[in-house]
PDB file of N, CA and C in Angstrom:
ATOM      1  N   UNK A   1      76.260  65.771  46.548  1.00  0.00           N
ATOM      2  CA  UNK A   1      75.874  64.889  47.653  1.00  0.00           C
ATOM      3  C   UNK A   1      74.461  64.370  47.430  1.00  0.00           C
ATOM      4  N   UNK A   2      73.571  65.223  46.934  1.00  0.00           N
ATOM      5  CA  UNK A   2      72.200  64.780  46.668  1.00  0.00           C
ATOM      6  C   UNK A   2      72.178  63.646  45.650  1.00  0.00           C
ATOM      7  N   UNK A   3      73.018  63.787  44.610  1.00  0.00           N
ATOM      8  CA  UNK A   3      73.079  62.752  43.576  1.00  0.00           C
ATOM      9  C   UNK A   3      73.573  61.437  44.173  1.00  0.00           C
ATOM     10  N   UNK A   4      74.590  61.523  45.017  1.00  0.00           N
ATOM     11  CA  UNK A   4      75.139  60.326  45.656  1.00  0.00           C
ATOM     12  C   UNK A   4      74.082  59.657  46.528  1.00  0.00           C
ATOM     13  N   UNK A   5      73.339  60.450  47.289  1.00  0.00           N
ATOM     14  CA  UNK A   5      72.298  59.896  48.155  1.00  0.00           C
ATOM     15  C   UNK A   5      71.251  59.166  47.316  1.00  0.00           C
ATOM     16  N   UNK A   6      70.894  59.734  46.183  1.00  0.00           N
ATOM     17  CA  UNK A   6      69.929  59.094  45.302  1.00  0.00           C
ATOM     18  C   UNK A   6      70.454  57.781  44.757  1.00  0.00           C
ATOM     19  N   UNK A   7      71.734  57.759  44.399  1.00  0.00           N
ATOM     20  CA  UNK A   7      72.332  56.530  43.864  1.00  0.00           C
ATOM     21  C   UNK A   7      72.423  55.450  44.935  1.00  0.00           C
ATOM     22  N   UNK A   8      72.756  55.849  46.156  1.00  0.00           N
ATOM     23  CA  UNK A   8      72.830  54.882  47.254  1.00  0.00           C
ATOM     24  C   UNK A   8      71.444  54.304  47.529  1.00  0.00           C
ATOM     25  N   UNK A   9      70.427  55.162  47.498  1.00  0.00           N
ATOM     26  CA  UNK A   9      69.056  54.694  47.724  1.00  0.00           C
ATOM     27  C   UNK A   9      68.657  53.702  46.639  1.00  0.00           C
ATOM     28  N   UNK A  10      68.964  54.037  45.403  1.00  0.00           N
ATOM     29  CA  UNK A  10      68.641  53.157  44.269  1.00  0.00           C
ATOM     30  C   UNK A  10      69.364  51.818  44.423  1.00  0.00           C
ATOM     31  N   UNK A  11      70.624  51.858  44.804  1.00  0.00           N
ATOM     32  CA  UNK A  11      71.397  50.630  44.973  1.00  0.00           C
ATOM     33  C   UNK A  11      70.793  49.760  46.068  1.00  0.00           C
ATOM     34  N   UNK A  12      70.381  50.369  47.166  1.00  0.00           N
ATOM     35  CA  UNK A  12      69.809  49.579  48.259  1.00  0.00           C
ATOM     36  C   UNK A  12      68.484  48.954  47.831  1.00  0.00           C
ATOM     37  N   UNK A  13      67.714  49.657  46.994  1.00  0.00           N
ATOM     38  CA  UNK A  13      66.459  49.087  46.490  1.00  0.00           C
ATOM     39  C   UNK A  13      66.746  47.886  45.593  1.00  0.00           C
ATOM     40  N   UNK A  14      67.755  47.996  44.738  1.00  0.00           N
ATOM     41  CA  UNK A  14      68.117  46.883  43.856  1.00  0.00           C
ATOM     42  C   UNK A  14      68.590  45.684  44.662  1.00  0.00           C
ATOM     43  N   UNK A  15      69.393  45.942  45.697  1.00  0.00           N
ATOM     44  CA  UNK A  15      69.882  44.848  46.544  1.00  0.00           C
ATOM     45  C   UNK A  15      68.704  44.151  47.217  1.00  0.00           C
ATOM     46  N   UNK A  16      67.749  44.943  47.701  1.00  0.00           N
ATOM     47  CA  UNK A  16      66.579  44.362  48.361  1.00  0.00           C
ATOM     48  C   UNK A  16      65.790  43.484  47.385  1.00  0.00           C
ATOM     49  N   UNK A  17      65.630  43.948  46.141  1.00  0.00           N
ATOM     50  CA  UNK A  17      64.914  43.163  45.133  1.00  0.00           C
ATOM     51  C   UNK A  17      65.643  41.859  44.844  1.00  0.00           C
ATOM     52  N   UNK A  18      66.963  41.924  44.736  1.00  0.00           N
ATOM     53  CA  UNK A  18      67.754  40.722  44.468  1.00  0.00           C
ATOM     54  C   UNK A  18      67.630  39.729  45.611  1.00  0.00           C
ATOM     55  N   UNK A  19      67.681  40.213  46.843  1.00  0.00           N
ATOM     56  CA  UNK A  19      67.556  39.324  47.997  1.00  0.00           C
ATOM     57  C   UNK A  19      66.193  38.646  47.995  1.00  0.00           C
ATOM     58  N   UNK A  20      65.154  39.388  47.628  1.00  0.00           N
ATOM     59  CA  UNK A  20      63.803  38.823  47.581  1.00  0.00           C
ATOM     60  C   UNK A  20      63.735  37.725  46.523  1.00  0.00           C
ATOM     61  N   UNK A  21      64.314  37.973  45.350  1.00  0.00           N
ATOM     62  CA  UNK A  21      64.317  36.969  44.283  1.00  0.00           C
ATOM     63  C   UNK A  21      65.094  35.734  44.704  1.00  0.00           C
ATOM     64  N   UNK A  22      66.226  35.936  45.382  1.00  0.00           N
ATOM     65  CA  UNK A  22      67.032  34.800  45.835  1.00  0.00           C
ATOM     66  C   UNK A  22      66.261  33.960  46.839  1.00  0.00           C
ATOM     67  N   UNK A  23      65.550  34.620  47.758  1.00  0.00           N
ATOM     68  CA  UNK A  23      64.758  33.878  48.744  1.00  0.00           C
ATOM     69  C   UNK A  23      63.668  33.066  48.062  1.00  0.00           C
ATOM     70  N   UNK A  24      62.989  33.675  47.097  1.00  0.00           N
ATOM     71  CA  UNK A  24      61.929  32.979  46.369  1.00  0.00           C
ATOM     72  C   UNK A  24      62.500  31.779  45.626  1.00  0.00           C
ATOM     73  N   UNK A  25      63.626  31.964  44.960  1.00  0.00           N
ATOM     74  CA  UNK A  25      64.270  30.876  44.229  1.00  0.00           C
ATOM     75  C   UNK A  25      64.687  29.767  45.177  1.00  0.00           C
ATOM     76  N   UNK A  26      65.234  30.134  46.325  1.00  0.00           N
ATOM     77  CA  UNK A  26      65.665  29.142  47.310  1.00  0.00           C
ATOM     78  C   UNK A  26      64.473  28.321  47.799  1.00  0.00           C
ATOM     79  N   UNK A  27      63.346  28.988  48.028  1.00  0.00           N
ATOM     80  CA  UNK A  27      62.149  28.272  48.469  1.00  0.00           C
ATOM     81  C   UNK A  27      61.683  27.296  47.394  1.00  0.00           C
ATOM     82  N   UNK A  28      61.710  27.720  46.137  1.00  0.00           N
ATOM     83  CA  UNK A  28      61.289  26.842  45.040  1.00  0.00           C
ATOM     84  C   UNK A  28      62.200  25.626  44.944  1.00  0.00           C
ATOM     85  N   UNK A  29      63.506  25.848  45.073  1.00  0.00           N
ATOM     86  CA  UNK A  29      64.461  24.735  45.013  1.00  0.00           C
ATOM     87  C   UNK A  29      64.224  23.773  46.171  1.00  0.00           C
ATOM     88  N   UNK A  30      64.018  24.313  47.366  1.00  0.00           N
ATOM     89  CA  UNK A  30      63.748  23.459  48.528  1.00  0.00           C
ATOM     90  C   UNK A  30      62.484  22.638  48.322  1.00  0.00           C
ATOM     91  N   UNK A  31      61.454  23.239  47.727  1.00  0.00           N
ATOM     92  CA  UNK A  31      60.213  22.508  47.462  1.00  0.00           C
ATOM     93  C   UNK A  31      60.458  21.368  46.481  1.00  0.00           C
ATOM     94  N   UNK A  32      61.247  21.626  45.453  1.00  0.00           N
ATOM     95  CA  UNK A  32      61.549  20.585  44.466  1.00  0.00           C
ATOM     96  C   UNK A  32      62.291  19.435  45.133  1.00  0.00           C
ATOM     97  N   UNK A  33      63.306  19.752  45.947  1.00  0.00           N
ATOM     98  CA  UNK A  33      64.067  18.705  46.625  1.00  0.00           C
ATOM     99  C   UNK A  33      63.189  17.907  47.581  1.00  0.00           C
ATOM    100  N   UNK A  34      62.293  18.582  48.288  1.00  0.00           N
ATOM    101  CA  UNK A  34      61.442  17.869  49.243  1.00  0.00           C
ATOM    102  C   UNK A  34      60.480  16.938  48.508  1.00  0.00           C
ATOM    103  N   UNK A  35      60.098  17.296  47.288  1.00  0.00           N
ATOM    104  CA  UNK A  35      59.232  16.416  46.502  1.00  0.00           C
ATOM    105  C   UNK A  35      60.008  15.197  46.009  1.00  0.00           C
ATOM    106  N   UNK A  36      61.294  15.362  45.748  1.00  0.00           N
ATOM    107  CA  UNK A  36      62.109  14.256  45.239  1.00  0.00           C
ATOM    108  C   UNK A  36      62.403  13.225  46.324  1.00  0.00           C
ATOM    109  N   UNK A  37      62.513  13.696  47.561  1.00  0.00           N
ATOM    110  CA  UNK A  37      62.898  12.789  48.653  1.00  0.00           C
ATOM    111  C   UNK A  37      61.697  11.968  49.098  1.00  0.00           C
TER     112      UNK A  37
END
């Protein structure tokens, strides 16, 4: 159970990092589009 808890914690950290990267990428794309318009 301890091992599983550690893996779940690690997975949630990875998901959080991915969400942060996606938000940053989305902001960059929005900035590019706003410059084009």
